[in-house]
Amino acid sequence: MSCDILEALRKNGASFTGLSGSGSCCFGVFTTKEAAEKAVKEHFGQDFFVKLTFFLAQKVKAVLEY
């Protein structure tokens, strides 16, 4: 089942997919909020529990510079 969900996330535009824990949670990383919302609305909203979350950091800053 989790492989099907990961494949569906990829087909719906996820740049990266993975499992959390022992596979009880599948996740996808989308490049835009709109793409994630579209995937949920069109394919995941009715059959699965879905929680959209967003990274707090919007810009990456180097911690160490060489």
C-alpha atoms as a PDB file:
ATOM      1  CA  MET A   1       0.000   0.000   0.000  1.00  0.00           C
ATOM      2  CA  SER A   2       2.733   2.505   0.928  1.00  0.00           C
ATOM      3  CA  CYS A   3       4.465   1.943  -2.435  1.00  0.00           C
ATOM      4  CA  ASP A   4       1.209   2.859  -4.192  1.00  0.00           C
ATOM      5  CA  ILE A   5       0.916   6.051  -2.150  1.00  0.00           C
ATOM      6  CA  LEU A   6       4.527   7.046  -2.841  1.00  0.00           C
ATOM      7  CA  GLU A   7       4.033   6.457  -6.553  1.00  0.00           C
ATOM      8  CA  ALA A   8       0.821   8.519  -6.513  1.00  0.00           C
ATOM      9  CA  LEU A   9       2.674  11.364  -4.776  1.00  0.00           C
ATOM     10  CA  ARG A  10       5.370  11.271  -7.469  1.00  0.00           C
ATOM     11  CA  LYS A  11       2.795  11.242 -10.264  1.00  0.00           C
ATOM     12  CA  ASN A  12       1.153  14.272  -8.681  1.00  0.00           C
ATOM     13  CA  GLY A  13       4.319  16.350  -8.673  1.00  0.00           C
ATOM     14  CA  ALA A  14       6.229  15.499  -5.490  1.00  0.00           C
ATOM     15  CA  SER A  15       9.943  16.191  -5.907  1.00  0.00           C
ATOM     16  CA  PHE A  16      10.789  13.730  -3.144  1.00  0.00           C
ATOM     17  CA  THR A  17       8.820  10.996  -1.377  1.00  0.00           C
ATOM     18  CA  GLY A  18       9.568   8.866   1.644  1.00  0.00           C
ATOM     19  CA  LEU A  19       8.376   6.929   4.658  1.00  0.00           C
ATOM     20  CA  SER A  20       8.475   7.980   8.274  1.00  0.00           C
ATOM     21  CA  GLY A  21       8.912   5.499  11.083  1.00  0.00           C
ATOM     22  CA  SER A  22       8.050   1.939  10.141  1.00  0.00           C
ATOM     23  CA  GLY A  23       6.097   3.071   7.084  1.00  0.00           C
ATOM     24  CA  SER A  24       2.989   4.231   8.870  1.00  0.00           C
ATOM     25  CA  CYS A  25       3.408   7.707   7.375  1.00  0.00           C
ATOM     26  CA  CYS A  26       4.123   8.466   3.738  1.00  0.00           C
ATOM     27  CA  PHE A  27       5.161  11.957   2.714  1.00  0.00           C
ATOM     28  CA  GLY A  28       5.925  13.990  -0.360  1.00  0.00           C
ATOM     29  CA  VAL A  29       7.871  17.201  -0.756  1.00  0.00           C
ATOM     30  CA  PHE A  30       6.410  19.617  -3.294  1.00  0.00           C
ATOM     31  CA  THR A  31       8.097  22.719  -4.713  1.00  0.00           C
ATOM     32  CA  THR A  32       5.016  24.910  -4.251  1.00  0.00           C
ATOM     33  CA  LYS A  33       2.129  25.124  -1.830  1.00  0.00           C
ATOM     34  CA  GLU A  34      -0.286  25.171  -4.767  1.00  0.00           C
ATOM     35  CA  ALA A  35       1.047  21.866  -6.143  1.00  0.00           C
ATOM     36  CA  ALA A  36       0.655  20.185  -2.756  1.00  0.00           C
ATOM     37  CA  GLU A  37      -2.878  21.507  -2.319  1.00  0.00           C
ATOM     38  CA  LYS A  38      -3.833  20.361  -5.825  1.00  0.00           C
ATOM     39  CA  ALA A  39      -2.540  16.825  -5.151  1.00  0.00           C
ATOM     40  CA  VAL A  40      -4.532  16.616  -1.922  1.00  0.00           C
ATOM     41  CA  LYS A  41      -7.718  17.979  -3.485  1.00  0.00           C
ATOM     42  CA  GLU A  42      -7.630  15.828  -6.596  1.00  0.00           C
ATOM     43  CA  HIS A  43      -6.234  12.539  -5.325  1.00  0.00           C
ATOM     44  CA  PHE A  44      -5.789  12.153  -1.602  1.00  0.00           C
ATOM     45  CA  GLY A  45      -8.465  14.098   0.255  1.00  0.00           C
ATOM     46  CA  GLN A  46     -11.224  11.497   0.440  1.00  0.00           C
ATOM     47  CA  ASP A  47      -9.382   8.212   0.939  1.00  0.00           C
ATOM     48  CA  PHE A  48      -6.508   9.193   3.231  1.00  0.00           C
ATOM     49  CA  PHE A  49      -5.802  11.295   6.292  1.00  0.00           C
ATOM     50  CA  VAL A  50      -3.705  14.142   4.899  1.00  0.00           C
ATOM     51  CA  LYS A  51      -1.959  16.927   6.774  1.00  0.00           C
ATOM     52  CA  LEU A  52      -0.268  19.691   4.809  1.00  0.00           C
ATOM     53  CA  THR A  53       2.765  21.162   6.533  1.00  0.00           C
ATOM     54  CA  PHE A  54       5.312  23.696   5.408  1.00  0.00           C
ATOM     55  CA  PHE A  55       8.955  24.352   6.187  1.00  0.00           C
ATOM     56  CA  LEU A  56       9.496  27.274   8.510  1.00  0.00           C
ATOM     57  CA  ALA A  57      12.728  28.306   6.808  1.00  0.00           C
ATOM     58  CA  GLN A  58      12.084  29.899   3.438  1.00  0.00           C
ATOM     59  CA  LYS A  59      15.663  30.830   2.563  1.00  0.00           C
ATOM     60  CA  VAL A  60      18.724  28.704   3.147  1.00  0.00           C
ATOM     61  CA  LYS A  61      21.789  30.301   4.711  1.00  0.00           C
ATOM     62  CA  ALA A  62      25.146  28.567   4.834  1.00  0.00           C
ATOM     63  CA  VAL A  63      26.240  27.690   8.350  1.00  0.00           C
ATOM     64  CA  LEU A  64      29.877  27.177   7.415  1.00  0.00           C
ATOM     65  CA  GLU A  65      31.771  28.827   4.631  1.00  0.00           C
ATOM     66  CA  TYR A  66      35.064  27.458   3.300  1.00  0.00           C
END
